Amino acid sequence: MTVETKPFDPAAYVETPEAAAAYLDEALATGDAAFIADALGVLARAKGMTEIAEVAGLGRQSLYKALASDGNPRFDTVLKVVSALGLRLSTVPVTD
């Protein structure tokens, strides 16, 4: 018996602004820049990469490249994408 699988796409499960905020918050908590960039890419795909690129004032292809797991987006790109997603970054004290 052969088991058929499909690639998992987390973008298919981000359906609300609250889910997007939780997903990005968890990515930020890892401190892994590549994972954070990838998470932003997932959220942009969930909302529509073309729409995010237009709102952020960026090219769609360059946005795909910057937000890939091996991408290295500039901080201003991150801020533009976060804003285009309808989110904002915030900080909280670290507690041990």
Protein backbone atom coordinates (compact mmCIF):
# COMPACT_ATOMS: atom_id res chain seq x y z
CA MET A 1 0.00 0.00 0.00
CA THR A 2 1.41 3.37 -1.04
CA VAL A 3 0.84 6.39 1.13
CA GLU A 4 0.39 9.59 -0.84
CA THR A 5 1.37 12.82 0.88
CA LYS A 6 1.14 16.47 -0.06
CA PRO A 7 3.54 19.25 0.90
CA PHE A 8 2.37 21.11 4.00
CA ASP A 9 1.69 24.81 3.44
CA PRO A 10 1.08 26.73 6.66
CA ALA A 11 -0.28 29.66 4.61
CA ALA A 12 -3.46 27.63 4.06
CA TYR A 13 -4.15 27.74 7.80
CA VAL A 14 -3.62 31.44 8.52
CA GLU A 15 -7.16 32.72 8.13
CA THR A 16 -7.47 35.60 10.62
CA PRO A 17 -5.37 38.60 11.67
CA GLU A 18 -5.09 37.00 15.11
CA ALA A 19 -3.67 33.81 13.62
CA ALA A 20 -1.19 35.85 11.57
CA ALA A 21 -0.09 37.78 14.65
CA ALA A 22 0.33 34.56 16.66
CA TYR A 23 2.32 32.92 13.86
CA LEU A 24 4.67 35.90 13.54
CA ASP A 25 4.99 36.22 17.31
CA GLU A 26 6.10 32.59 17.61
CA ALA A 27 8.57 33.05 14.75
CA LEU A 28 10.04 36.14 16.41
CA ALA A 29 10.37 34.25 19.69
CA THR A 30 12.76 31.79 18.03
CA GLY A 31 15.30 34.53 17.30
CA ASP A 32 16.10 32.73 14.03
CA ALA A 33 16.33 35.35 11.27
CA ALA A 34 15.80 32.81 8.48
CA PHE A 35 12.71 31.40 10.17
CA ILE A 36 11.31 34.90 10.74
CA ALA A 37 11.83 35.79 7.06
CA ASP A 38 10.17 32.53 6.03
CA ALA A 39 7.25 33.20 8.42
CA LEU A 40 6.75 36.62 6.84
CA GLY A 41 6.72 34.88 3.45
CA VAL A 42 4.10 32.42 4.68
CA LEU A 43 1.93 35.29 5.92
CA ALA A 44 2.39 37.23 2.69
CA ARG A 45 1.35 34.17 0.66
CA ALA A 46 -1.66 33.67 2.94
CA LYS A 47 -2.85 37.22 2.30
CA GLY A 48 -1.69 37.36 -1.32
CA MET A 49 1.88 38.09 -2.32
CA THR A 50 0.86 40.50 -5.08
CA GLU A 51 -1.31 42.53 -2.69
CA ILE A 52 1.40 42.65 -0.02
CA ALA A 53 4.02 43.69 -2.58
CA GLU A 54 1.80 46.49 -3.87
CA VAL A 55 0.88 47.82 -0.42
CA ALA A 56 4.51 47.59 0.72
CA GLY A 57 5.74 49.31 -2.45
CA LEU A 58 7.96 46.38 -3.41
CA GLY A 59 8.33 44.17 -6.46
CA ARG A 60 6.63 40.79 -6.15
CA GLN A 61 9.66 38.79 -7.30
CA SER A 62 12.04 40.67 -5.01
CA LEU A 63 9.62 40.11 -2.15
CA TYR A 64 9.58 36.34 -2.80
CA LYS A 65 13.38 36.35 -2.81
CA ALA A 66 13.72 38.46 0.35
CA LEU A 67 11.20 36.39 2.31
CA ALA A 68 12.50 32.96 1.36
CA SER A 69 14.05 30.91 4.17
CA ASP A 70 17.48 31.65 2.67
CA GLY A 71 16.63 35.32 2.07
CA ASN A 72 18.09 38.17 4.02
CA PRO A 73 15.56 41.01 3.93
CA ARG A 74 16.55 44.50 4.96
CA PHE A 75 14.89 45.73 8.11
CA ASP A 76 12.94 48.38 6.22
CA THR A 77 11.54 45.58 4.02
CA VAL A 78 10.49 43.66 7.13
CA LEU A 79 8.73 46.75 8.51
CA LYS A 80 6.95 47.41 5.20
CA VAL A 81 5.75 43.81 4.97
CA VAL A 82 4.59 43.71 8.59
CA SER A 83 2.64 46.92 8.01
CA ALA A 84 1.17 45.61 4.74
CA LEU A 85 0.02 42.54 6.65
CA GLY A 86 -1.90 44.82 9.01
CA LEU A 87 0.41 43.97 11.90
CA ARG A 88 2.98 45.82 13.96
CA LEU A 89 6.01 44.75 15.89
CA SER A 90 6.07 45.32 19.63
CA THR A 91 8.29 44.37 22.52
CA VAL A 92 7.82 42.79 25.90
CA PRO A 93 10.33 42.32 28.71
CA VAL A 94 12.13 39.00 28.73
CA THR A 95 11.42 37.06 31.89
CA ASP A 96 13.42 34.03 32.98
